[in-house]
Amino acid sequence: MTDTRDEQLKHEIKVMIIATCRLNDFTPETIADDQPLVGPDSQLGLDSLDMMELSVELKNRYGVRIMDMKDAMIMMKSINALVAHIQSKP
């Protein structure tokens, strides 16, 4: 993927996260690509229910399957981690 396509995918994922998790105080520009999405260091404040909702969206949009919470924590570490996982999918 080119840098432009990478940036487009990152933007798409940020918009999806904001909509799915109803994060009305955020815009795609306020979410850093390497920012933790989950956990105490996350400014987004996502919880396990948010992760489950995002898992469903990721499967529907990108065919990404998240098998368990451990897998979800690794994949949803950051926007960069999500993009890398989506791009590695055959």
C-alpha atoms as a PDB file:
ATOM      1  CA  MET A   1       0.000   0.000   0.000  1.00  0.00           C
ATOM      2  CA  THR A   2       1.169   3.510  -0.685  1.00  0.00           C
ATOM      3  CA  ASP A   3       1.464   6.150   2.003  1.00  0.00           C
ATOM      4  CA  THR A   4      -1.702   7.811   0.714  1.00  0.00           C
ATOM      5  CA  ARG A   5      -3.644   4.561   0.995  1.00  0.00           C
ATOM      6  CA  ASP A   6      -2.195   3.988   4.479  1.00  0.00           C
ATOM      7  CA  GLU A   7      -3.356   7.440   5.561  1.00  0.00           C
ATOM      8  CA  GLN A   8      -6.762   6.843   3.998  1.00  0.00           C
ATOM      9  CA  LEU A   9      -7.155   3.539   5.875  1.00  0.00           C
ATOM     10  CA  LYS A  10      -6.050   5.157   9.149  1.00  0.00           C
ATOM     11  CA  HIS A  11      -8.601   7.930   8.677  1.00  0.00           C
ATOM     12  CA  GLU A  12     -11.307   5.377   7.853  1.00  0.00           C
ATOM     13  CA  ILE A  13     -10.544   3.393  11.014  1.00  0.00           C
ATOM     14  CA  LYS A  14     -10.557   6.523  13.188  1.00  0.00           C
ATOM     15  CA  VAL A  15     -13.953   7.529  11.796  1.00  0.00           C
ATOM     16  CA  MET A  16     -15.226   3.983  12.443  1.00  0.00           C
ATOM     17  CA  ILE A  17     -13.969   4.051  16.060  1.00  0.00           C
ATOM     18  CA  ILE A  18     -15.530   7.462  16.718  1.00  0.00           C
ATOM     19  CA  ALA A  19     -18.893   6.360  15.276  1.00  0.00           C
ATOM     20  CA  THR A  20     -18.965   2.850  16.760  1.00  0.00           C
ATOM     21  CA  CYS A  21     -17.930   3.946  20.255  1.00  0.00           C
ATOM     22  CA  ARG A  22     -19.906   7.197  20.139  1.00  0.00           C
ATOM     23  CA  LEU A  23     -16.856   9.344  20.880  1.00  0.00           C
ATOM     24  CA  ASN A  24     -18.495  12.652  20.018  1.00  0.00           C
ATOM     25  CA  ASP A  25     -15.700  14.705  21.635  1.00  0.00           C
ATOM     26  CA  PHE A  26     -13.101  13.345  19.201  1.00  0.00           C
ATOM     27  CA  THR A  27     -12.272  13.871  15.542  1.00  0.00           C
ATOM     28  CA  PRO A  28      -9.967  11.718  13.404  1.00  0.00           C
ATOM     29  CA  GLU A  29      -7.330  14.437  13.727  1.00  0.00           C
ATOM     30  CA  THR A  30      -7.343  14.212  17.542  1.00  0.00           C
ATOM     31  CA  ILE A  31      -6.454  10.506  17.538  1.00  0.00           C
ATOM     32  CA  ALA A  32      -2.733   9.875  17.082  1.00  0.00           C
ATOM     33  CA  ASP A  33      -1.721   6.863  15.008  1.00  0.00           C
ATOM     34  CA  ASP A  34       0.456   5.457  17.795  1.00  0.00           C
ATOM     35  CA  GLN A  35      -1.832   6.415  20.686  1.00  0.00           C
ATOM     36  CA  PRO A  36      -3.038   3.513  22.871  1.00  0.00           C
ATOM     37  CA  LEU A  37      -6.687   2.808  22.066  1.00  0.00           C
ATOM     38  CA  VAL A  38      -7.411   0.761  25.188  1.00  0.00           C
ATOM     39  CA  GLY A  39      -6.179   0.777  28.750  1.00  0.00           C
ATOM     40  CA  PRO A  40      -5.156   3.326  31.340  1.00  0.00           C
ATOM     41  CA  ASP A  41      -2.931   5.265  28.903  1.00  0.00           C
ATOM     42  CA  SER A  42      -5.735   5.700  26.370  1.00  0.00           C
ATOM     43  CA  GLN A  43      -7.330   9.116  26.178  1.00  0.00           C
ATOM     44  CA  LEU A  44     -10.265   7.514  24.338  1.00  0.00           C
ATOM     45  CA  GLY A  45     -11.392   5.535  27.392  1.00  0.00           C
ATOM     46  CA  LEU A  46     -12.422   2.436  25.433  1.00  0.00           C
ATOM     47  CA  ASP A  47     -13.618  -0.516  27.477  1.00  0.00           C
ATOM     48  CA  SER A  48     -14.313  -4.195  26.786  1.00  0.00           C
ATOM     49  CA  LEU A  49     -17.772  -3.473  25.368  1.00  0.00           C
ATOM     50  CA  ASP A  50     -16.265  -0.952  22.954  1.00  0.00           C
ATOM     51  CA  MET A  51     -13.673  -3.539  21.924  1.00  0.00           C
ATOM     52  CA  MET A  52     -16.420  -6.086  21.256  1.00  0.00           C
ATOM     53  CA  GLU A  53     -18.359  -3.581  19.122  1.00  0.00           C
ATOM     54  CA  LEU A  54     -15.194  -2.684  17.220  1.00  0.00           C
ATOM     55  CA  SER A  55     -14.447  -6.381  16.665  1.00  0.00           C
ATOM     56  CA  VAL A  56     -17.813  -6.783  14.938  1.00  0.00           C
ATOM     57  CA  GLU A  57     -17.186  -3.701  12.772  1.00  0.00           C
ATOM     58  CA  LEU A  58     -13.677  -4.852  11.832  1.00  0.00           C
ATOM     59  CA  LYS A  59     -15.049  -8.248  10.782  1.00  0.00           C
ATOM     60  CA  ASN A  60     -17.875  -6.687   8.757  1.00  0.00           C
ATOM     61  CA  ARG A  61     -15.737  -4.064   7.003  1.00  0.00           C
ATOM     62  CA  TYR A  62     -12.352  -5.735   6.620  1.00  0.00           C
ATOM     63  CA  GLY A  63     -12.931  -9.451   7.229  1.00  0.00           C
ATOM     64  CA  VAL A  64     -10.698  -9.304  10.320  1.00  0.00           C
ATOM     65  CA  ARG A  65     -11.467 -11.992  12.866  1.00  0.00           C
ATOM     66  CA  ILE A  66     -10.611 -11.378  16.505  1.00  0.00           C
ATOM     67  CA  MET A  67     -10.600 -14.659  18.368  1.00  0.00           C
ATOM     68  CA  ASP A  68     -10.357 -13.558  22.004  1.00  0.00           C
ATOM     69  CA  MET A  69      -9.630 -10.633  24.311  1.00  0.00           C
ATOM     70  CA  LYS A  70      -5.863 -11.230  24.194  1.00  0.00           C
ATOM     71  CA  ASP A  71      -5.959 -11.059  20.393  1.00  0.00           C
ATOM     72  CA  ALA A  72      -8.101  -7.912  20.591  1.00  0.00           C
ATOM     73  CA  MET A  73      -5.664  -6.184  22.966  1.00  0.00           C
ATOM     74  CA  ILE A  74      -2.769  -6.842  20.568  1.00  0.00           C
ATOM     75  CA  MET A  75      -4.646  -5.766  17.438  1.00  0.00           C
ATOM     76  CA  MET A  76      -6.248  -2.720  19.033  1.00  0.00           C
ATOM     77  CA  LYS A  77      -3.077  -1.441  20.638  1.00  0.00           C
ATOM     78  CA  SER A  78      -3.124   1.569  18.285  1.00  0.00           C
ATOM     79  CA  ILE A  79      -4.304   2.728  14.881  1.00  0.00           C
ATOM     80  CA  ASN A  80      -0.933   1.651  13.478  1.00  0.00           C
ATOM     81  CA  ALA A  81      -1.398  -1.851  14.931  1.00  0.00           C
ATOM     82  CA  LEU A  82      -4.887  -2.150  13.421  1.00  0.00           C
ATOM     83  CA  VAL A  83      -3.693  -1.014   9.998  1.00  0.00           C
ATOM     84  CA  ALA A  84      -0.764  -3.453  10.094  1.00  0.00           C
ATOM     85  CA  HIS A  85      -3.106  -6.321  10.953  1.00  0.00           C
ATOM     86  CA  ILE A  86      -5.625  -5.398   8.248  1.00  0.00           C
ATOM     87  CA  GLN A  87      -2.843  -5.110   5.658  1.00  0.00           C
ATOM     88  CA  SER A  88      -1.339  -8.477   6.664  1.00  0.00           C
ATOM     89  CA  LYS A  89      -4.644 -10.244   6.037  1.00  0.00           C
ATOM     90  CA  PRO A  90      -4.422 -12.336   2.852  1.00  0.00           C
END
